Structures are given as C-alpha cells and as structure tokens.
Amino acid sequence: MKKYFVITGLMLLFFSNIYAQENTLKQTFTLEDCLHYAESNNFSLQSGSIDISTSELNLRQAKENIAPTVSGSVTQGFNFGNYEKSVGWNGNYGINAGMTLFNGLSNANKIKQSKLNVEQSQLSLESSKNKIRISVIQAFLAIMMNEEILGYQQQVLTASQEQMEQGKQQLDVGQILESDYKMLQAQYTSDLYNIENTRHTIQSNYLTLKNLLSIDPSVQITIVPPDSATLFKNLELPELQELIDRSTNYLPELKMSENEITNAEYNIKIQKANYYPTLSASAGISTGYNGSNLTSPNTGWGTQLWHGLGENIGLSLNIPIYQRSSVRNSVKLAEYRAEQVELENKETIYKVNQELHQSYIDVAKAQNNYISAEAKKDAYLANYKTYSLRFKYGSVTAVDLIQQQTNFLNQLNLFMQAKYSYVLQRKILDVYMGIPVTL
C-alpha cells in the first residue's frame, strides 16, 4: 500500500510539473511588456548591472582607504642548549596601527573619481538599454508587419482559389486556353508558398525578439499588437528644437562624455599629488617573554609580559626629492589625456546633434513615404479587384489578372515597409528624448 502511494505521488508530481511548464511556456507580450522584460532579463544588461556593483564596491574601497590599518604580530620560539642541556620558550606579541595623514589629497580625489565611475556605469547601462529598446521595437514591429502582410496574403490566396475555380469552369466551356488555366494554378501555388514563407519569416522575427528578451527559443510567446486605430495616435512629430533640447538633457552618451572631462581632471590632480610629501602616523604596543627566565619566581610568564609591555607612537614624513622625472611625465600624460577628452567631447556633441537632425529628417521623409505608399496601395488594390471582376466575366485574360495581382502585392510590400519604417523612426525619437515608448 505504501508503495502504491509513493508511485501515485510521483506521477502527480510529474504531471503537475508538465502542466506548470506548459503554463510558463505560453506568454503574451505587449511592446511595453517586451521592453520591461528585456530590461530585467537581457544578458548584456545584466552584465551592465554587475559593472555598477563593481564600481560601487570600488567606491567603498576608496573610502575605506583613508581609515587606519591595524595588524597584529605573534612570534613564538623554542630554544635548546646543548652545553647545559637547557630548554626554553620565548615569544613576542604586538599590535600596530598606521594611517596616512596627508598625501597631496590623492585619496580624496580618488574617492571623487570613484563616485564618478559609479555614475559612468549607470549611464553606460542606460545607454545599453536604449540600444536594446530600439532593437526590441524593431523586432516587435517586424512581427506586426509580417503578420499584417500575412492577413493580406491569405485574402489574396482566397481570391486566387476562386479565380482558379472560375478558370476551370471557363476552361470546361472553352472560354480560356489550358495554358491560362495552368497559369492560374501556378499563381495559386505561388500565393500558397508566399504564405508559408511569411510564416517562416514571422518565426524568424520571434527568434530575434526572444534573443533580445533572453528567452529560450523553444518557449512559445505571442505579441499583442495595438489596435490599428491607436497605432498612429502618438506619432505627432515634435518641433526640432524640442527634440534637441530634450535629447541633450537626457542622452547618456552626452553625460558620459562630459564626465570623462571631469575624470581626466581628477586624474591630473592624483598624479600631481606625487609632488607632495607624504605624512603618516603610526602607533603600536608590544610585549614578550623569555622561557629561560621562568625559573625565577620574580620573572614568571605574566610578570615578564607586564614588564615587557611597551608602546610606541610616531610620525613619518616622506619627501620626494628626485624621481627620475616620472611624476612630471605622468602629469604631462594626464594633461594630454584631458586635452584629448575635451576634443572627444566636442566631437560627441557634434555627432549627436548631426544624428538628431538626420533622424528628424528621416521621420519626416518616412511619414511622406507612408502617406504616398498608402495611396498607391489603395489604388493598386482597387485595380486588382476590378481586374478580378472583369476576369470573372471573361473580359480580361489570366495573364492580365496575374499581372495586376503581382503589382498589388509588390505595392503592398512597399506600403508595409513604409508604414512600419515610419512608426519605427518616430519611436526612435522617443527613445532619444527619454520618453517611455508605447504603441
């Protein structure tokens, strides 16, 4: 009976694990869900969080370096005299402390530099997040685009099937040639495989998204696209100056570039500190005993430790006189680095400004391309529907119909690319301005 309960329990545990696993594998994500999930789970972003922890630890160590150092020493000895056959023990014990009182403010500047490094790590992580955000938006929109194309392709496939059936009827009564009917069959097959290829493309898009979210490829996820009516609600183009002002105040790359200048200035101060004397303080207490004296009642172990107790305190001043120009050269190298960083900062500001202006132009162009492509798509769709109707009544050939269908599908692809390129380019501006991205 006990064996029966054990087996039953194991089976229940097995099936409950399968059920739980199936539930965890099926997940739905909005774009906002994807962005939040990536920030918490993306492997490269997790590495950035470790960098922050490392820089924070270095800051704590820099602060602790101004505290005194304390050490203890214990020496225990044994001696044996061959002449008098004497045996003895001896020991020395001590505690010492030391502290740097002045070293040209090097420690103080290292603390400030470490604080700056923590901020740099945080800004670097935010910069990485922005890159991941743009990639996630791009992958999410790619899925949306291809799923929308798939919907159109399925409608075209249904129409192709009806046209093929109409062609069979026309072939049976001699209205069209067999070659025309075979072209309709070939077009139906082509439309069928276009759908399959689009499905494969969507699977590839999902793999890209899973990689950005650091989700196992075997996990099944689905996206939740926004309502088509709301997709273009938040796509108003801001004023160029607003884009520049908000981006300049937010972009981590600009703040990191400015911090590099401050960091270089701290490094110059740290190198110059080597010109100054170093003043240190030390203190200690020590005692000991000699085992060969333990035979006397007045020189017992405790008495020796007490009488041997000694304290010391002192100041040490280390004055640099000649260091083979190493300090001077180190300072000069730090100054050269500061000049280089200032140039790099100017270049960064220039490049960011140029990129913001170009991105603004790209959005305006993408918007125009979208409006133009939509008008063309609607026109080609209307033309295709007209030819489909005319083919039904035998006024156009299968070749004419297929040509119009091909024209429509080509324009449809151009429209989809223009539509989602416009959305992507506009959302990239939100990332640059530090605005939470929504669809």
Protein backbone atom coordinates (compact mmCIF):
# COMPACT_ATOMS: atom_id res chain seq x y z
CA MET A 1 0.00 0.00 0.00
CA LYS A 2 2.85 2.37 0.89
CA LYS A 3 4.49 1.63 -2.48
CA TYR A 4 1.22 2.47 -4.25
CA PHE A 5 1.03 5.89 -2.58
CA VAL A 6 4.67 6.63 -3.45
CA ILE A 7 4.13 5.82 -7.14
CA THR A 8 0.89 7.83 -7.23
CA GLY A 9 2.63 10.81 -5.63
CA LEU A 10 5.47 10.69 -8.14
CA MET A 11 3.01 10.54 -11.06
CA LEU A 12 1.06 13.51 -9.70
CA LEU A 13 4.30 15.46 -9.28
CA PHE A 14 5.37 14.58 -12.82
CA PHE A 15 2.12 15.70 -14.43
CA SER A 16 1.91 18.83 -12.27
CA ASN A 17 5.40 19.79 -13.46
CA ILE A 18 4.34 19.28 -17.08
CA TYR A 19 1.23 21.39 -16.50
CA ALA A 20 3.24 24.15 -14.83
CA GLN A 21 5.81 24.06 -17.62
CA GLU A 22 3.15 24.39 -20.30
CA ASN A 23 1.66 27.35 -18.49
CA THR A 24 5.02 29.11 -18.20
CA LEU A 25 5.85 28.50 -21.87
CA LYS A 26 2.76 30.31 -23.16
CA GLN A 27 3.19 34.01 -22.72
CA THR A 28 1.79 37.08 -24.40
CA PHE A 29 3.66 40.37 -24.63
CA THR A 30 2.70 43.89 -25.48
CA LEU A 31 5.51 46.16 -26.60
CA GLU A 32 5.66 47.64 -23.10
CA ASP A 33 5.91 44.12 -21.65
CA CYS A 34 8.77 43.33 -24.02
CA LEU A 35 10.67 46.48 -23.06
CA HIS A 36 10.27 45.87 -19.32
CA TYR A 37 11.14 42.19 -19.66
CA ALA A 38 14.28 42.97 -21.66
CA GLU A 39 15.47 45.50 -19.08
CA SER A 40 15.30 42.83 -16.37
CA ASN A 41 16.41 39.74 -18.28
CA ASN A 42 18.60 40.68 -21.23
CA PHE A 43 22.01 39.11 -20.64
CA SER A 44 24.06 42.11 -21.74
CA LEU A 45 22.01 44.42 -19.50
CA GLN A 46 22.52 42.06 -16.57
CA SER A 47 26.25 42.34 -17.22
CA GLY A 48 25.88 46.12 -17.07
CA SER A 49 24.25 45.81 -13.64
CA ILE A 50 27.27 43.83 -12.45
CA ASP A 51 29.52 46.64 -13.70
CA ILE A 52 27.57 49.07 -11.49
CA SER A 53 28.01 46.79 -8.47
CA THR A 54 31.73 46.56 -9.22
CA SER A 55 32.15 50.34 -9.40
CA GLU A 56 30.16 50.74 -6.16
CA LEU A 57 32.48 48.27 -4.46
CA ASN A 58 35.50 50.21 -5.74
CA LEU A 59 33.96 53.38 -4.29
CA ARG A 60 33.55 51.74 -0.88
CA GLN A 61 37.15 50.61 -1.00
CA ALA A 62 38.33 54.12 -1.93
CA LYS A 63 36.52 55.50 1.12
CA GLU A 64 37.95 52.83 3.38
CA ASN A 65 41.48 53.55 2.19
CA ILE A 66 41.53 56.71 4.37
CA ALA A 67 40.92 54.64 7.53
CA PRO A 68 43.84 53.39 9.67
CA THR A 69 45.33 49.97 9.08
CA VAL A 70 45.68 47.67 12.10
CA SER A 71 47.75 44.49 12.22
CA GLY A 72 48.85 42.05 14.86
CA SER A 73 52.04 40.01 15.13
CA VAL A 74 52.84 36.87 17.11
CA THR A 75 56.27 35.22 17.30
CA GLN A 76 56.71 32.02 19.28
CA GLY A 77 60.16 30.42 19.62
CA PHE A 78 61.81 27.32 21.08
CA ASN A 79 65.49 27.01 22.03
CA PHE A 80 67.63 24.14 23.25
CA GLY A 81 71.09 24.47 24.79
CA ASN A 82 73.48 21.54 24.23
CA TYR A 83 76.06 22.60 26.86
CA GLU A 84 73.80 22.84 29.86
CA LYS A 85 71.01 20.79 28.38
CA SER A 86 68.57 23.66 28.87
CA VAL A 87 65.20 24.04 27.15
CA GLY A 88 63.35 27.31 26.81
CA TRP A 89 60.49 29.07 25.06
CA ASN A 90 60.21 32.67 24.08
CA GLY A 91 57.55 34.83 22.43
CA ASN A 92 56.87 38.34 21.23
CA TYR A 93 53.44 39.88 20.64
CA GLY A 94 52.40 43.19 19.17
CA ILE A 95 49.61 45.28 17.67
CA ASN A 96 50.45 48.05 15.21
CA ALA A 97 48.36 50.73 13.53
CA GLY A 98 49.18 53.14 10.74
CA MET A 99 47.40 55.97 8.97
CA THR A 100 48.21 58.34 6.14
CA LEU A 101 47.52 61.90 7.28
CA PHE A 102 48.39 63.70 4.05
CA ASN A 103 49.38 62.54 0.57
CA GLY A 104 48.59 65.53 -1.59
CA LEU A 105 44.82 64.90 -1.39
CA SER A 106 45.29 61.82 -3.55
CA ASN A 107 42.83 59.72 -1.53
CA ALA A 108 40.20 62.46 -1.57
CA ASN A 109 40.42 62.79 -5.36
CA LYS A 110 40.31 59.02 -5.79
CA ILE A 111 37.06 58.95 -3.83
CA LYS A 112 35.59 61.64 -6.11
CA GLN A 113 36.83 59.73 -9.14
CA SER A 114 35.25 56.51 -7.88
CA LYS A 115 31.92 58.29 -7.36
CA LEU A 116 32.14 59.48 -10.95
CA ASN A 117 32.88 55.94 -12.12
CA VAL A 118 29.68 54.73 -10.44
CA GLU A 119 27.73 57.36 -12.34
CA GLN A 120 29.50 56.36 -15.56
CA SER A 121 28.50 52.73 -15.04
CA GLN A 122 24.89 53.77 -14.54
CA LEU A 123 24.94 55.95 -17.65
CA SER A 124 26.58 53.15 -19.65
CA LEU A 125 23.79 50.80 -18.60
CA GLU A 126 21.16 53.36 -19.62
CA SER A 127 22.88 53.74 -23.00
CA SER A 128 22.81 49.96 -23.46
CA LYS A 129 19.14 49.95 -22.52
CA ASN A 130 18.41 52.47 -25.25
CA LYS A 131 20.08 50.25 -27.85
CA ILE A 132 18.11 47.24 -26.63
CA ARG A 133 14.90 49.30 -26.63
CA ILE A 134 15.38 50.26 -30.28
CA SER A 135 16.15 46.65 -31.22
CA VAL A 136 13.08 45.37 -29.33
CA ILE A 137 10.84 47.95 -31.02
CA GLN A 138 12.26 46.96 -34.40
CA ALA A 139 11.72 43.23 -33.77
CA PHE A 140 8.21 43.81 -32.41
CA LEU A 141 7.22 45.94 -35.41
CA ALA A 142 8.71 43.38 -37.80
CA ILE A 143 6.37 40.75 -36.35
CA MET A 144 3.42 43.15 -36.63
CA MET A 145 4.30 43.98 -40.24
CA ASN A 146 4.65 40.40 -41.40
CA GLU A 147 1.51 39.31 -39.58
CA GLU A 148 -0.38 42.10 -41.34
CA ILE A 149 1.15 41.07 -44.68
CA LEU A 150 0.10 37.50 -43.88
CA GLY A 151 -3.50 38.67 -43.49
CA TYR A 152 -3.44 40.30 -46.92
CA GLN A 153 -1.78 37.23 -48.44
CA GLN A 154 -4.49 34.98 -47.07
CA GLN A 155 -7.13 37.20 -48.66
CA VAL A 156 -5.24 37.05 -51.97
CA LEU A 157 -4.96 33.27 -51.65
CA THR A 158 -8.72 33.01 -51.20
CA ALA A 159 -9.21 35.17 -54.29
CA SER A 160 -6.65 33.08 -56.23
CA GLN A 161 -8.52 29.91 -55.32
CA GLU A 162 -11.81 31.42 -56.54
CA GLN A 163 -10.14 32.56 -59.76
CA MET A 164 -8.67 29.11 -60.30
CA GLU A 165 -12.12 27.56 -59.85
CA GLN A 166 -13.60 30.14 -62.23
CA GLY A 167 -10.83 29.36 -64.70
CA LYS A 168 -11.67 25.64 -64.51
CA GLN A 169 -15.27 26.44 -65.38
CA GLN A 170 -14.18 28.70 -68.25
CA LEU A 171 -11.78 26.02 -69.50
CA ASP A 172 -14.56 23.41 -69.48
CA VAL A 173 -16.76 25.61 -71.71
CA GLY A 174 -13.85 26.69 -73.92
CA GLN A 175 -13.67 30.34 -72.85
CA ILE A 176 -9.95 30.19 -71.95
CA LEU A 177 -6.97 28.15 -73.04
CA GLU A 178 -5.48 25.40 -70.93
CA SER A 179 -2.27 27.45 -70.65
CA ASP A 180 -4.27 30.25 -69.00
CA TYR A 181 -5.74 27.79 -66.52
CA LYS A 182 -2.28 26.42 -65.70
CA MET A 183 -1.09 29.97 -65.02
CA LEU A 184 -3.96 30.39 -62.56
CA GLN A 185 -2.93 27.12 -60.88
CA ALA A 186 0.69 28.28 -60.74
CA GLN A 187 -0.36 31.61 -59.23
CA TYR A 188 -2.42 29.84 -56.58
CA THR A 189 0.57 27.65 -55.70
CA SER A 190 2.83 30.70 -55.58
CA ASP A 191 0.40 32.51 -53.27
CA LEU A 192 0.23 29.43 -51.06
CA TYR A 193 4.01 29.28 -50.65
CA ASN A 194 4.20 33.03 -50.15
CA ILE A 195 2.08 32.49 -47.07
CA GLU A 196 4.36 29.71 -45.87
CA ASN A 197 7.43 31.87 -46.39
CA THR A 198 5.83 34.74 -44.50
CA ARG A 199 5.07 32.38 -41.62
CA HIS A 200 8.71 31.32 -41.57
CA THR A 201 9.72 34.98 -41.58
CA ILE A 202 7.46 35.60 -38.58
CA GLN A 203 9.08 32.67 -36.78
CA SER A 204 12.48 34.23 -37.50
CA ASN A 205 11.22 37.59 -36.18
CA TYR A 206 10.09 35.86 -32.98
CA LEU A 207 13.53 34.28 -32.59
CA THR A 208 15.09 37.74 -32.85
CA LEU A 209 12.70 39.07 -30.21
CA LYS A 210 13.33 36.10 -27.90
CA ASN A 211 17.07 36.66 -28.21
CA LEU A 212 16.65 40.28 -27.12
CA LEU A 213 14.49 39.18 -24.20
CA SER A 214 16.92 36.32 -23.39
CA ILE A 215 14.08 33.81 -23.66
CA ASP A 216 14.79 30.22 -24.69
CA PRO A 217 13.95 29.69 -28.40
CA SER A 218 11.69 26.74 -27.51
CA VAL A 219 9.42 28.94 -25.40
CA GLN A 220 6.23 29.89 -27.25
CA ILE A 221 5.36 33.56 -26.98
CA THR A 222 2.93 35.78 -28.86
CA ILE A 223 2.82 39.53 -29.16
CA VAL A 224 -0.25 41.65 -28.53
CA PRO A 225 -0.32 44.33 -31.24
CA PRO A 226 -2.11 47.58 -30.50
CA ASP A 227 -5.38 48.44 -32.11
CA SER A 228 -4.72 49.72 -35.63
CA ALA A 229 -6.74 52.86 -34.85
CA THR A 230 -4.40 53.80 -31.97
CA LEU A 231 -1.13 52.89 -33.71
CA PHE A 232 -0.72 56.37 -35.17
CA LYS A 233 -2.11 58.32 -32.23
CA ASN A 234 1.21 59.21 -30.62
CA LEU A 235 3.21 59.79 -33.79
CA GLU A 236 2.95 63.55 -33.99
CA LEU A 237 6.31 64.98 -34.97
CA PRO A 238 7.69 67.32 -32.25
CA GLU A 239 9.41 70.56 -33.07
CA LEU A 240 13.06 70.11 -33.96
CA GLN A 241 14.21 72.34 -31.11
CA GLU A 242 12.14 70.34 -28.64
CA LEU A 243 13.79 67.16 -29.87
CA ILE A 244 17.26 68.67 -29.49
CA ASP A 245 16.59 70.17 -26.04
CA ARG A 246 15.04 67.04 -24.54
CA SER A 247 17.60 64.70 -26.09
CA THR A 248 20.51 66.87 -24.97
CA ASN A 249 19.23 66.79 -21.39
CA TYR A 250 18.66 63.02 -21.44
CA LEU A 251 21.07 61.15 -23.70
CA PRO A 252 23.54 59.17 -21.55
CA GLU A 253 26.27 59.44 -24.20
CA LEU A 254 26.47 63.22 -23.75
CA LYS A 255 26.63 62.98 -19.96
CA MET A 256 29.25 60.25 -20.15
CA SER A 257 31.36 62.42 -22.47
CA GLU A 258 31.15 65.35 -20.05
CA ASN A 259 32.06 63.10 -17.13
CA GLU A 260 35.15 61.93 -18.97
CA ILE A 261 36.43 65.51 -18.83
CA THR A 262 35.89 65.63 -15.06
CA ASN A 263 37.50 62.22 -14.72
CA ALA A 264 40.57 63.42 -16.61
CA GLU A 265 40.82 66.45 -14.30
CA TYR A 266 40.75 64.19 -11.24
CA ASN A 267 43.49 62.08 -12.79
CA ILE A 268 45.70 65.15 -13.20
CA LYS A 269 45.21 66.01 -9.52
CA ILE A 270 46.01 62.45 -8.48
CA GLN A 271 49.24 62.49 -10.48
CA LYS A 272 50.23 65.92 -9.10
CA ALA A 273 49.77 64.61 -5.57
CA ASN A 274 53.03 62.68 -6.06
CA TYR A 275 54.89 66.02 -5.94
CA TYR A 276 53.89 66.49 -2.27
CA PRO A 277 55.40 64.88 0.86
CA THR A 278 53.50 62.04 2.47
CA LEU A 279 52.81 62.35 6.19
CA SER A 280 51.93 59.16 8.05
CA ALA A 281 51.22 58.33 11.69
CA SER A 282 51.93 55.04 13.39
CA ALA A 283 51.30 53.55 16.83
CA GLY A 284 51.88 50.17 18.43
CA ILE A 285 52.02 48.13 21.56
CA SER A 286 54.22 45.07 22.10
CA THR A 287 55.47 42.69 24.76
CA GLY A 288 57.25 39.37 25.08
CA TYR A 289 58.80 36.78 27.38
CA ASN A 290 61.83 34.54 27.56
CA GLY A 291 61.23 31.00 28.75
CA SER A 292 64.74 30.59 30.17
CA ASN A 293 63.92 33.11 32.91
CA LEU A 294 60.77 31.35 34.08
CA THR A 295 62.67 29.51 36.85
CA SER A 296 62.86 32.67 38.94
CA PRO A 297 59.71 33.44 40.93
CA ASN A 298 60.02 37.14 40.10
CA THR A 299 60.23 36.55 36.36
CA GLY A 300 57.15 34.44 35.67
CA TRP A 301 55.34 34.44 32.34
CA GLY A 302 52.75 37.03 33.39
CA THR A 303 55.38 39.22 35.09
CA GLN A 304 57.58 39.20 32.01
CA LEU A 305 54.66 40.14 29.75
CA TRP A 306 53.77 43.03 32.07
CA HIS A 307 57.30 44.34 32.45
CA GLY A 308 57.99 43.87 28.75
CA LEU A 309 54.91 45.87 27.74
CA GLY A 310 55.86 48.81 25.53
CA GLU A 311 54.04 51.44 23.46
CA ASN A 312 55.23 53.49 20.54
CA ILE A 313 53.83 56.35 18.51
CA GLY A 314 55.41 58.23 15.68
CA LEU A 315 55.12 60.42 12.62
CA SER A 316 56.78 59.68 9.31
CA LEU A 317 57.39 62.25 6.58
CA ASN A 318 58.42 61.03 3.16
CA ILE A 319 59.72 63.88 0.97
CA PRO A 320 60.18 63.18 -2.74
CA ILE A 321 63.43 64.72 -3.94
CA TYR A 322 64.31 63.07 -7.23
CA GLN A 323 62.07 60.56 -9.03
CA ARG A 324 63.72 60.48 -12.45
CA SER A 325 61.03 62.77 -13.91
CA SER A 326 58.41 60.04 -13.57
CA VAL A 327 55.93 62.29 -11.74
CA ARG A 328 56.39 65.17 -14.16
CA ASN A 329 55.88 62.86 -17.14
CA SER A 330 52.84 61.23 -15.54
CA VAL A 331 51.28 64.66 -15.00
CA LYS A 332 52.05 65.63 -18.57
CA LEU A 333 50.47 62.45 -19.92
CA ALA A 334 47.36 63.10 -17.79
CA GLU A 335 47.16 66.64 -19.20
CA TYR A 336 47.46 65.30 -22.75
CA ARG A 337 44.66 62.86 -21.99
CA ALA A 338 42.50 65.72 -20.68
CA GLU A 339 43.02 67.65 -23.91
CA GLN A 340 42.12 64.56 -25.92
CA VAL A 341 38.96 64.01 -23.88
CA GLU A 342 37.84 67.60 -24.45
CA LEU A 343 38.21 67.11 -28.20
CA GLU A 344 36.30 63.84 -27.99
CA ASN A 345 33.53 65.59 -26.08
CA LYS A 346 33.21 68.27 -28.77
CA GLU A 347 33.12 65.56 -31.42
CA THR A 348 30.45 63.64 -29.48
CA ILE A 349 28.26 66.74 -29.18
CA TYR A 350 28.68 67.40 -32.91
CA LYS A 351 27.83 63.82 -33.89
CA VAL A 352 24.79 63.65 -31.60
CA ASN A 353 23.48 66.93 -32.99
CA GLN A 354 24.02 65.70 -36.51
CA GLU A 355 22.27 62.41 -35.73
CA LEU A 356 19.29 64.20 -34.16
CA HIS A 357 18.88 66.45 -37.20
CA GLN A 358 19.18 63.48 -39.56
CA SER A 359 16.72 61.40 -37.52
CA TYR A 360 14.24 64.27 -37.63
CA ILE A 361 14.58 64.46 -41.42
CA ASP A 362 14.24 60.67 -41.69
CA VAL A 363 10.96 60.72 -39.75
CA ALA A 364 9.55 63.46 -41.98
CA LYS A 365 10.57 61.51 -45.09
CA ALA A 366 9.20 58.26 -43.66
CA GLN A 367 5.87 59.97 -42.96
CA ASN A 368 5.66 61.22 -46.55
CA ASN A 369 6.63 57.82 -47.92
CA TYR A 370 3.94 56.18 -45.80
CA ILE A 371 1.19 58.54 -46.99
CA SER A 372 2.27 58.13 -50.61
CA ALA A 373 2.60 54.33 -50.37
CA GLU A 374 -0.83 54.03 -48.74
CA ALA A 375 -2.46 55.93 -51.61
CA LYS A 376 -0.68 53.72 -54.15
CA LYS A 377 -1.60 50.56 -52.27
CA ASP A 378 -5.27 51.52 -52.24
CA ALA A 379 -5.13 52.33 -55.96
CA TYR A 380 -3.46 49.02 -56.86
CA LEU A 381 -5.91 47.12 -54.67
CA ALA A 382 -8.88 48.76 -56.38
CA ASN A 383 -7.33 47.99 -59.76
CA TYR A 384 -6.74 44.36 -58.78
CA LYS A 385 -10.34 43.99 -57.60
CA THR A 386 -11.56 45.47 -60.89
CA TYR A 387 -9.50 43.02 -62.92
CA SER A 388 -10.73 40.16 -60.73
CA LEU A 389 -14.31 41.13 -61.53
CA ARG A 390 -13.56 41.53 -65.23
CA PHE A 391 -11.84 38.14 -65.30
CA LYS A 392 -14.96 36.61 -63.78
CA TYR A 393 -16.95 37.81 -66.76
CA GLY A 394 -14.26 36.89 -69.27
CA SER A 395 -13.26 40.40 -70.37
CA VAL A 396 -9.57 40.06 -69.39
CA THR A 397 -7.09 37.24 -69.68
CA ALA A 398 -5.47 35.31 -66.84
CA VAL A 399 -2.15 36.96 -67.72
CA ASP A 400 -3.65 40.41 -67.21
CA LEU A 401 -5.20 39.37 -63.91
CA ILE A 402 -1.97 37.83 -62.57
CA GLN A 403 -0.02 40.90 -63.59
CA GLN A 404 -2.36 43.16 -61.62
CA GLN A 405 -2.19 40.84 -58.63
CA THR A 406 1.62 40.92 -58.76
CA ASN A 407 1.56 44.71 -58.99
CA PHE A 408 -0.71 44.90 -55.95
CA LEU A 409 1.43 42.54 -53.87
CA ASN A 410 4.60 44.44 -54.75
CA GLN A 411 2.98 47.73 -53.77
CA LEU A 412 1.58 46.12 -50.62
CA ASN A 413 5.09 45.15 -49.52
CA LEU A 414 6.33 48.68 -50.21
CA PHE A 415 3.41 50.09 -48.22
CA MET A 416 4.08 47.82 -45.25
CA GLN A 417 7.75 48.72 -45.22
CA ALA A 418 6.91 52.43 -45.40
CA LYS A 419 4.26 52.15 -42.69
CA TYR A 420 6.37 50.34 -40.12
CA SER A 421 9.53 52.23 -41.02
CA TYR A 422 7.65 55.43 -40.17
CA VAL A 423 6.49 54.02 -36.83
CA LEU A 424 10.00 52.79 -36.00
CA GLN A 425 11.72 56.05 -36.94
CA ARG A 426 9.21 58.05 -34.89
CA LYS A 427 9.59 55.81 -31.83
CA ILE A 428 13.36 56.12 -32.02
CA LEU A 429 12.89 59.85 -31.38
CA ASP A 430 11.03 58.97 -28.17
CA VAL A 431 13.98 56.85 -27.07
CA TYR A 432 16.36 59.74 -27.78
CA MET A 433 14.18 62.09 -25.73
CA GLY A 434 13.88 59.64 -22.81
CA ILE A 435 10.11 59.25 -23.29
CA PRO A 436 8.63 55.84 -22.37
CA VAL A 437 7.81 54.06 -25.64
CA THR A 438 4.23 52.91 -26.17
CA LEU A 439 2.19 51.79 -29.14
